[in-house]
Amino acid sequence: MRVLLINPMASMKATVRGRRAHFPVGVGLIASYLMENGFSVNVLDNESECLNKNELYDFLDRSDYDVYGISAMAPQYGYVKGLSRMIRKLKNRPIILGGPLATYSHETVLKNTNVDVCVIGEGEETVVDLLGNLRNLSEVAGIAFKENGIVKATAVRKFNKSRDDYPFAAYELFNMEPYFKKIARPL
């Protein structure tokens, strides 16, 4: 299964190329865990790439993935709404949202966007289980989804591992240059 993980910009209108970006640790960790479990993963860090709406549309139109995963915080809600609409229009493939927006606002997200599933809490084990059960979502702990117009949340997933039990972030999937730009002038 081919998965594209997307780290969005704060806004569909923001395009400041060449600025310093913050490495999306969560996306990198999810990517490495998916790869460790046999999935083919690519990443679009649009926070560093700064694709505008037309460039993003072209990128997605040329893409061929089985699942699209987005990680977002609350201020990125508008971007997620537009991005999920764009993916649905172009690909009509499952769209999974993770991160704080999915964890704390899954009901709003599922009612008002084209997101199919929200991962609640830590995502490594949940997303692997989810990708293996896309046709039987009620069997996956730690998610929320919409069924016949009704938002449903499954049981809370219990975690028994520490961060050390998971692989390091998949740095090899990222262009690392934007994360190392200087943000202050030398003394």
Foldseek 3Di string as FASTA:
>chain_A
DEEEEEEDALDLADADAPAAAADPQLSQQLQQLVVVVPYHYAYHYCRHVRDHPVRVLVVLLPDDGQEYEYEDAPSSLNVQQVVLVSNCVRPVHAYEYEYHCLQPPVVVSQLRHNHFKYFHDRPNVQVVVCVVPVVPVQVGARMWGADPNDIDHHHHDDDDDDPVVGDGGNCVNDPCVSNPDDPDDDD
